[in-house]
Each structure stands twice: as structure tokens, then as C-alpha cells.
Amino acid sequence: MAVVIRLSRQGSKKRPFYRIVAADRREKRDGRFLELLGTYNPKASESKTTVAPERLAYWLSKGAQPSETVAKLCQLG
């Protein structure tokens, strides 16, 4: 099973809110996920990102690949 760390869109029309999740690569964008790692709110006065760093490190150590957007948000390089 290939695991990817990506954003899952929540919220209503024109009011996006994202969850940072670890999910199987074959699942839908907003489908089933393995673990919720954090959130990202681009509509807040300052784009607010919260992440559980120990869980993020755990999934990265297990070989999960972050998406480009998640890598930028979490400053993974």
C-alpha cells in the first residue's frame, strides 16, 4: 500500500477548509484516510496551519510521500 500525505477538502462552496491526512494513494481526494494529521485554513486572516509533528514524522519514516502542497505548508524541503 502506497501512502501519501495530502490535503482533503472540507467546508462549503467558496469557503474551503482542508485536512492534512495520510491516505492510500488509490483513495479519492476526499475519501477514506488512515489518519488525520492536521488542518489548513487558507481563509483565516493569516493562513493558519496546524500539524501534529510527531505523527507527521512517523508517517514520513514509514515511507509516506507528501504532496507538493503539503511539503510547502509543513516546510519539508
PDB file of N, CA and C in Angstrom:
ATOM      1  N   MET A   1       0.848  -1.172   0.000  1.00  0.00           N
ATOM      2  CA  MET A   1       0.000   0.000   0.000  1.00  0.00           C
ATOM      3  C   MET A   1       0.898   1.242   0.000  1.00  0.00           C
ATOM      4  N   ALA A   2       0.695   2.099  -0.987  1.00  0.00           N
ATOM      5  CA  ALA A   2       1.447   3.347  -1.084  1.00  0.00           C
ATOM      6  C   ALA A   2       0.686   4.437  -0.326  1.00  0.00           C
ATOM      7  N   VAL A   3       1.356   5.026   0.656  1.00  0.00           N
ATOM      8  CA  VAL A   3       0.721   6.052   1.476  1.00  0.00           C
ATOM      9  C   VAL A   3       1.221   7.420   1.036  1.00  0.00           C
ATOM     10  N   VAL A   4       0.289   8.360   0.959  1.00  0.00           N
ATOM     11  CA  VAL A   4       0.616   9.732   0.591  1.00  0.00           C
ATOM     12  C   VAL A   4       0.010  10.663   1.642  1.00  0.00           C
ATOM     13  N   ILE A   5       0.719  11.747   1.929  1.00  0.00           N
ATOM     14  CA  ILE A   5       0.217  12.764   2.851  1.00  0.00           C
ATOM     15  C   ILE A   5      -0.276  13.913   1.981  1.00  0.00           C
ATOM     16  N   ARG A   6      -1.573  14.194   2.055  1.00  0.00           N
ATOM     17  CA  ARG A   6      -2.167  15.182   1.154  1.00  0.00           C
ATOM     18  C   ARG A   6      -3.288  15.943   1.839  1.00  0.00           C
ATOM     19  N   LEU A   7      -3.859  16.903   1.094  1.00  0.00           N
ATOM     20  CA  LEU A   7      -4.970  17.696   1.608  1.00  0.00           C
ATOM     21  C   LEU A   7      -6.292  17.065   1.211  1.00  0.00           C
ATOM     22  N   SER A   8      -7.244  17.106   2.114  1.00  0.00           N
ATOM     23  CA  SER A   8      -8.607  16.653   1.866  1.00  0.00           C
ATOM     24  C   SER A   8      -9.511  17.856   2.066  1.00  0.00           C
ATOM     25  N   ARG A   9     -10.284  18.226   1.051  1.00  0.00           N
ATOM     26  CA  ARG A   9     -11.082  19.445   1.111  1.00  0.00           C
ATOM     27  C   ARG A   9     -12.359  19.249   1.919  1.00  0.00           C
ATOM     28  N   GLN A  10     -12.617  20.196   2.790  1.00  0.00           N
ATOM     29  CA  GLN A  10     -13.831  20.249   3.593  1.00  0.00           C
ATOM     30  C   GLN A  10     -14.420  21.641   3.402  1.00  0.00           C
ATOM     31  N   GLY A  11     -15.458  21.961   4.120  1.00  0.00           N
ATOM     32  CA  GLY A  11     -16.036  23.301   4.027  1.00  0.00           C
ATOM     33  C   GLY A  11     -17.081  23.395   2.943  1.00  0.00           C
ATOM     34  N   SER A  12     -17.631  24.578   2.791  1.00  0.00           N
ATOM     35  CA  SER A  12     -18.696  24.785   1.823  1.00  0.00           C
ATOM     36  C   SER A  12     -18.172  25.526   0.598  1.00  0.00           C
ATOM     37  N   LYS A  13     -19.072  25.813  -0.307  1.00  0.00           N
ATOM     38  CA  LYS A  13     -18.736  26.491  -1.547  1.00  0.00           C
ATOM     39  C   LYS A  13     -18.084  27.850  -1.258  1.00  0.00           C
ATOM     40  N   LYS A  14     -16.927  28.083  -1.855  1.00  0.00           N
ATOM     41  CA  LYS A  14     -16.149  29.315  -1.713  1.00  0.00           C
ATOM     42  C   LYS A  14     -15.648  29.564  -0.289  1.00  0.00           C
ATOM     43  N   ARG A  15     -15.723  28.573   0.585  1.00  0.00           N
ATOM     44  CA  ARG A  15     -15.214  28.669   1.961  1.00  0.00           C
ATOM     45  C   ARG A  15     -14.398  27.406   2.271  1.00  0.00           C
ATOM     46  N   PRO A  16     -13.271  27.197   1.564  1.00  0.00           N
ATOM     47  CA  PRO A  16     -12.541  25.948   1.736  1.00  0.00           C
ATOM     48  C   PRO A  16     -11.860  25.844   3.096  1.00  0.00           C
ATOM     49  N   PHE A  17     -11.753  24.622   3.549  1.00  0.00           N
ATOM     50  CA  PHE A  17     -11.038  24.260   4.764  1.00  0.00           C
ATOM     51  C   PHE A  17     -10.446  22.892   4.471  1.00  0.00           C
ATOM     52  N   TYR A  18      -9.195  22.698   4.769  1.00  0.00           N
ATOM     53  CA  TYR A  18      -8.527  21.458   4.392  1.00  0.00           C
ATOM     54  C   TYR A  18      -8.046  20.684   5.611  1.00  0.00           C
ATOM     55  N   ARG A  19      -8.090  19.362   5.511  1.00  0.00           N
ATOM     56  CA  ARG A  19      -7.477  18.475   6.487  1.00  0.00           C
ATOM     57  C   ARG A  19      -6.201  17.926   5.865  1.00  0.00           C
ATOM     58  N   ILE A  20      -5.161  17.818   6.650  1.00  0.00           N
ATOM     59  CA  ILE A  20      -3.927  17.178   6.204  1.00  0.00           C
ATOM     60  C   ILE A  20      -4.027  15.731   6.671  1.00  0.00           C
ATOM     61  N   VAL A  21      -4.053  14.805   5.712  1.00  0.00           N
ATOM     62  CA  VAL A  21      -4.316  13.404   6.046  1.00  0.00           C
ATOM     63  C   VAL A  21      -3.259  12.481   5.437  1.00  0.00           C
ATOM     64  N   ALA A  22      -3.096  11.334   6.063  1.00  0.00           N
ATOM     65  CA  ALA A  22      -2.314  10.241   5.493  1.00  0.00           C
ATOM     66  C   ALA A  22      -3.334   9.282   4.885  1.00  0.00           C
ATOM     67  N   ALA A  23      -3.206   9.012   3.593  1.00  0.00           N
ATOM     68  CA  ALA A  23      -4.193   8.195   2.899  1.00  0.00           C
ATOM     69  C   ALA A  23      -3.513   7.274   1.898  1.00  0.00           C
ATOM     70  N   ASP A  24      -4.216   6.214   1.547  1.00  0.00           N
ATOM     71  CA  ASP A  24      -3.772   5.318   0.476  1.00  0.00           C
ATOM     72  C   ASP A  24      -3.852   6.111  -0.826  1.00  0.00           C
ATOM     73  N   ARG A  25      -2.842   5.994  -1.646  1.00  0.00           N
ATOM     74  CA  ARG A  25      -2.761   6.752  -2.894  1.00  0.00           C
ATOM     75  C   ARG A  25      -3.969   6.498  -3.814  1.00  0.00           C
ATOM     76  N   ARG A  26      -4.576   5.308  -3.714  1.00  0.00           N
ATOM     77  CA  ARG A  26      -5.671   4.945  -4.620  1.00  0.00           C
ATOM     78  C   ARG A  26      -7.026   5.487  -4.193  1.00  0.00           C
ATOM     79  N   GLU A  27      -7.136   6.004  -2.974  1.00  0.00           N
ATOM     80  CA  GLU A  27      -8.413   6.544  -2.487  1.00  0.00           C
ATOM     81  C   GLU A  27      -8.708   7.899  -3.119  1.00  0.00           C
ATOM     82  N   LYS A  28      -9.976   8.289  -3.109  1.00  0.00           N
ATOM     83  CA  LYS A  28     -10.389   9.588  -3.628  1.00  0.00           C
ATOM     84  C   LYS A  28      -9.811  10.704  -2.774  1.00  0.00           C
ATOM     85  N   ARG A  29      -9.758  11.904  -3.326  1.00  0.00           N
ATOM     86  CA  ARG A  29      -9.206  13.050  -2.602  1.00  0.00           C
ATOM     87  C   ARG A  29      -9.890  13.257  -1.261  1.00  0.00           C
ATOM     88  N   ASP A  30     -11.211  13.204  -1.241  1.00  0.00           N
ATOM     89  CA  ASP A  30     -11.964  13.427  -0.010  1.00  0.00           C
ATOM     90  C   ASP A  30     -12.481  12.116   0.584  1.00  0.00           C
ATOM     91  N   GLY A  31     -11.915  11.010   0.160  1.00  0.00           N
ATOM     92  CA  GLY A  31     -12.390   9.704   0.603  1.00  0.00           C
ATOM     93  C   GLY A  31     -11.774   9.255   1.915  1.00  0.00           C
ATOM     94  N   ARG A  32     -11.748   7.956   2.089  1.00  0.00           N
ATOM     95  CA  ARG A  32     -11.251   7.342   3.317  1.00  0.00           C
ATOM     96  C   ARG A  32      -9.763   7.660   3.507  1.00  0.00           C
ATOM     97  N   PHE A  33      -9.366   7.903   4.750  1.00  0.00           N
ATOM     98  CA  PHE A  33      -7.965   8.168   5.048  1.00  0.00           C
ATOM     99  C   PHE A  33      -7.534   7.348   6.255  1.00  0.00           C
ATOM    100  N   LEU A  34      -6.236   7.218   6.438  1.00  0.00           N
ATOM    101  CA  LEU A  34      -5.684   6.412   7.521  1.00  0.00           C
ATOM    102  C   LEU A  34      -5.610   7.191   8.832  1.00  0.00           C
ATOM    103  N   GLU A  35      -5.179   8.457   8.736  1.00  0.00           N
ATOM    104  CA  GLU A  35      -5.039   9.261   9.948  1.00  0.00           C
ATOM    105  C   GLU A  35      -5.105  10.746   9.610  1.00  0.00           C
ATOM    106  N   LEU A  36      -5.746  11.495  10.493  1.00  0.00           N
ATOM    107  CA  LEU A  36      -5.807  12.950  10.389  1.00  0.00           C
ATOM    108  C   LEU A  36      -4.563  13.510  11.065  1.00  0.00           C
ATOM    109  N   LEU A  37      -3.766  14.281  10.313  1.00  0.00           N
ATOM    110  CA  LEU A  37      -2.504  14.803  10.834  1.00  0.00           C
ATOM    111  C   LEU A  37      -2.568  16.274  11.191  1.00  0.00           C
ATOM    112  N   GLY A  38      -3.516  17.009  10.619  1.00  0.00           N
ATOM    113  CA  GLY A  38      -3.604  18.431  10.908  1.00  0.00           C
ATOM    114  C   GLY A  38      -4.650  19.102  10.045  1.00  0.00           C
ATOM    115  N   THR A  39      -4.650  20.437  10.093  1.00  0.00           N
ATOM    116  CA  THR A  39      -5.608  21.216   9.317  1.00  0.00           C
ATOM    117  C   THR A  39      -4.919  22.410   8.665  1.00  0.00           C
ATOM    118  N   TYR A  40      -5.574  22.958   7.644  1.00  0.00           N
ATOM    119  CA  TYR A  40      -5.095  24.151   6.953  1.00  0.00           C
ATOM    120  C   TYR A  40      -6.307  24.984   6.592  1.00  0.00           C
ATOM    121  N   ASN A  41      -6.319  26.244   7.028  1.00  0.00           N
ATOM    122  CA  ASN A  41      -7.420  27.159   6.743  1.00  0.00           C
ATOM    123  C   ASN A  41      -6.875  28.355   5.967  1.00  0.00           C
ATOM    124  N   PRO A  42      -7.030  28.363   4.631  1.00  0.00           N
ATOM    125  CA  PRO A  42      -6.492  29.463   3.834  1.00  0.00           C
ATOM    126  C   PRO A  42      -7.321  30.744   3.939  1.00  0.00           C
ATOM    127  N   LYS A  43      -8.546  30.672   4.435  1.00  0.00           N
ATOM    128  CA  LYS A  43      -9.417  31.838   4.501  1.00  0.00           C
ATOM    129  C   LYS A  43      -9.286  32.614   5.813  1.00  0.00           C
ATOM    130  N   ALA A  44      -8.503  32.110   6.758  1.00  0.00           N
ATOM    131  CA  ALA A  44      -8.290  32.838   8.008  1.00  0.00           C
ATOM    132  C   ALA A  44      -7.497  34.109   7.707  1.00  0.00           C
ATOM    133  N   SER A  45      -7.544  35.071   8.619  1.00  0.00           N
ATOM    134  CA  SER A  45      -6.839  36.332   8.388  1.00  0.00           C
ATOM    135  C   SER A  45      -5.362  36.079   8.060  1.00  0.00           C
ATOM    136  N   GLU A  46      -4.734  35.170   8.771  1.00  0.00           N
ATOM    137  CA  GLU A  46      -3.410  34.671   8.423  1.00  0.00           C
ATOM    138  C   GLU A  46      -3.605  33.190   8.138  1.00  0.00           C
ATOM    139  N   SER A  47      -3.226  32.737   6.956  1.00  0.00           N
ATOM    140  CA  SER A  47      -3.427  31.324   6.620  1.00  0.00           C
ATOM    141  C   SER A  47      -2.907  30.464   7.758  1.00  0.00           C
ATOM    142  N   LYS A  48      -3.802  29.741   8.398  1.00  0.00           N
ATOM    143  CA  LYS A  48      -3.460  29.006   9.607  1.00  0.00           C
ATOM    144  C   LYS A  48      -3.286  27.519   9.316  1.00  0.00           C
ATOM    145  N   THR A  49      -2.131  26.983   9.732  1.00  0.00           N
ATOM    146  CA  THR A  49      -1.833  25.570   9.576  1.00  0.00           C
ATOM    147  C   THR A  49      -1.497  24.981  10.937  1.00  0.00           C
ATOM    148  N   THR A  50      -2.133  23.871  11.277  1.00  0.00           N
ATOM    149  CA  THR A  50      -1.781  23.135  12.492  1.00  0.00           C
ATOM    150  C   THR A  50      -1.462  21.707  12.091  1.00  0.00           C
ATOM    151  N   VAL A  51      -0.369  21.179  12.637  1.00  0.00           N
ATOM    152  CA  VAL A  51       0.077  19.832  12.297  1.00  0.00           C
ATOM    153  C   VAL A  51       0.591  19.153  13.562  1.00  0.00           C
ATOM    154  N   ALA A  52       0.352  17.856  13.681  1.00  0.00           N
ATOM    155  CA  ALA A  52       0.921  17.055  14.757  1.00  0.00           C
ATOM    156  C   ALA A  52       2.289  16.573  14.273  1.00  0.00           C
ATOM    157  N   PRO A  53       3.381  17.246  14.683  1.00  0.00           N
ATOM    158  CA  PRO A  53       4.702  16.929  14.114  1.00  0.00           C
ATOM    159  C   PRO A  53       5.174  15.501  14.377  1.00  0.00           C
ATOM    160  N   GLU A  54       4.819  14.933  15.540  1.00  0.00           N
ATOM    161  CA  GLU A  54       5.271  13.566  15.828  1.00  0.00           C
ATOM    162  C   GLU A  54       4.588  12.550  14.920  1.00  0.00           C
ATOM    163  N   ARG A  55       3.323  12.762  14.585  1.00  0.00           N
ATOM    164  CA  ARG A  55       2.614  11.843  13.691  1.00  0.00           C
ATOM    165  C   ARG A  55       3.081  12.033  12.245  1.00  0.00           C
ATOM    166  N   LEU A  56       3.372  13.276  11.858  1.00  0.00           N
ATOM    167  CA  LEU A  56       3.905  13.544  10.528  1.00  0.00           C
ATOM    168  C   LEU A  56       5.254  12.843  10.371  1.00  0.00           C
ATOM    169  N   ALA A  57       6.113  12.949  11.363  1.00  0.00           N
ATOM    170  CA  ALA A  57       7.418  12.289  11.320  1.00  0.00           C
ATOM    171  C   ALA A  57       7.259  10.770  11.262  1.00  0.00           C
ATOM    172  N   TYR A  58       6.277  10.239  11.987  1.00  0.00           N
ATOM    173  CA  TYR A  58       6.019   8.798  11.969  1.00  0.00           C
ATOM    174  C   TYR A  58       5.696   8.325  10.554  1.00  0.00           C
ATOM    175  N   TRP A  59       4.762   9.009   9.897  1.00  0.00           N
ATOM    176  CA  TRP A  59       4.358   8.571   8.557  1.00  0.00           C
ATOM    177  C   TRP A  59       5.486   8.755   7.542  1.00  0.00           C
ATOM    178  N   LEU A  60       6.268   9.821   7.682  1.00  0.00           N
ATOM    179  CA  LEU A  60       7.396  10.015   6.779  1.00  0.00           C
ATOM    180  C   LEU A  60       8.442   8.913   6.985  1.00  0.00           C
ATOM    181  N   SER A  61       8.641   8.479   8.233  1.00  0.00           N
ATOM    182  CA  SER A  61       9.589   7.396   8.497  1.00  0.00           C
ATOM    183  C   SER A  61       9.112   6.065   7.930  1.00  0.00           C
ATOM    184  N   LYS A  62       7.804   5.908   7.768  1.00  0.00           N
ATOM    185  CA  LYS A  62       7.238   4.684   7.196  1.00  0.00           C
ATOM    186  C   LYS A  62       7.218   4.709   5.670  1.00  0.00           C
ATOM    187  N   GLY A  63       7.695   5.816   5.067  1.00  0.00           N
ATOM    188  CA  GLY A  63       7.800   5.885   3.615  1.00  0.00           C
ATOM    189  C   GLY A  63       6.686   6.649   2.922  1.00  0.00           C
ATOM    190  N   ALA A  64       5.843   7.344   3.661  1.00  0.00           N
ATOM    191  CA  ALA A  64       4.771   8.130   3.048  1.00  0.00           C
ATOM    192  C   ALA A  64       5.372   9.308   2.285  1.00  0.00           C
ATOM    193  N   GLN A  65       4.795   9.610   1.143  1.00  0.00           N
ATOM    194  CA  GLN A  65       5.265  10.706   0.310  1.00  0.00           C
ATOM    195  C   GLN A  65       4.331  11.908   0.456  1.00  0.00           C
ATOM    196  N   PRO A  66       4.828  13.072   0.863  1.00  0.00           N
ATOM    197  CA  PRO A  66       3.958  14.256   0.959  1.00  0.00           C
ATOM    198  C   PRO A  66       3.699  14.843  -0.430  1.00  0.00           C
ATOM    199  N   SER A  67       2.514  15.408  -0.620  1.00  0.00           N
ATOM    200  CA  SER A  67       2.237  16.107  -1.870  1.00  0.00           C
ATOM    201  C   SER A  67       3.058  17.399  -1.876  1.00  0.00           C
ATOM    202  N   GLU A  68       3.170  18.035  -3.031  1.00  0.00           N
ATOM    203  CA  GLU A  68       3.943  19.278  -3.126  1.00  0.00           C
ATOM    204  C   GLU A  68       3.385  20.346  -2.202  1.00  0.00           C
ATOM    205  N   THR A  69       2.060  20.452  -2.150  1.00  0.00           N
ATOM    206  CA  THR A  69       1.419  21.472  -1.321  1.00  0.00           C
ATOM    207  C   THR A  69       1.670  21.227   0.164  1.00  0.00           C
ATOM    208  N   VAL A  70       1.552  19.993   0.590  1.00  0.00           N
ATOM    209  CA  VAL A  70       1.799  19.671   1.998  1.00  0.00           C
ATOM    210  C   VAL A  70       3.258  19.909   2.343  1.00  0.00           C
ATOM    211  N   ALA A  71       4.169  19.581   1.451  1.00  0.00           N
ATOM    212  CA  ALA A  71       5.595  19.813   1.699  1.00  0.00           C
ATOM    213  C   ALA A  71       5.865  21.309   1.897  1.00  0.00           C
ATOM    214  N   LYS A  72       5.225  22.149   1.101  1.00  0.00           N
ATOM    215  CA  LYS A  72       5.399  23.602   1.240  1.00  0.00           C
ATOM    216  C   LYS A  72       4.779  24.108   2.544  1.00  0.00           C
ATOM    217  N   LEU A  73       3.590  23.615   2.873  1.00  0.00           N
ATOM    218  CA  LEU A  73       2.909  24.074   4.098  1.00  0.00           C
ATOM    219  C   LEU A  73       3.689  23.678   5.354  1.00  0.00           C
ATOM    220  N   CYS A  74       4.262  22.499   5.349  1.00  0.00           N
ATOM    221  CA  CYS A  74       4.968  21.991   6.537  1.00  0.00           C
ATOM    222  C   CYS A  74       6.473  22.230   6.466  1.00  0.00           C
ATOM    223  N   GLN A  75       6.932  22.943   5.440  1.00  0.00           N
ATOM    224  CA  GLN A  75       8.353  23.242   5.233  1.00  0.00           C
ATOM    225  C   GLN A  75       9.219  21.987   5.297  1.00  0.00           C
ATOM    226  N   LEU A  76       8.839  21.000   4.493  1.00  0.00           N
ATOM    227  CA  LEU A  76       9.587  19.739   4.463  1.00  0.00           C
ATOM    228  C   LEU A  76      10.731  19.758   3.473  1.00  0.00           C
ATOM    229  N   GLY A  77      10.904  20.849   2.772  1.00  0.00           N
ATOM    230  CA  GLY A  77      12.033  20.948   1.865  1.00  0.00           C
ATOM    231  C   GLY A  77      11.621  20.880   0.488  1.00  0.00           C
TER     232      GLY A  77
END
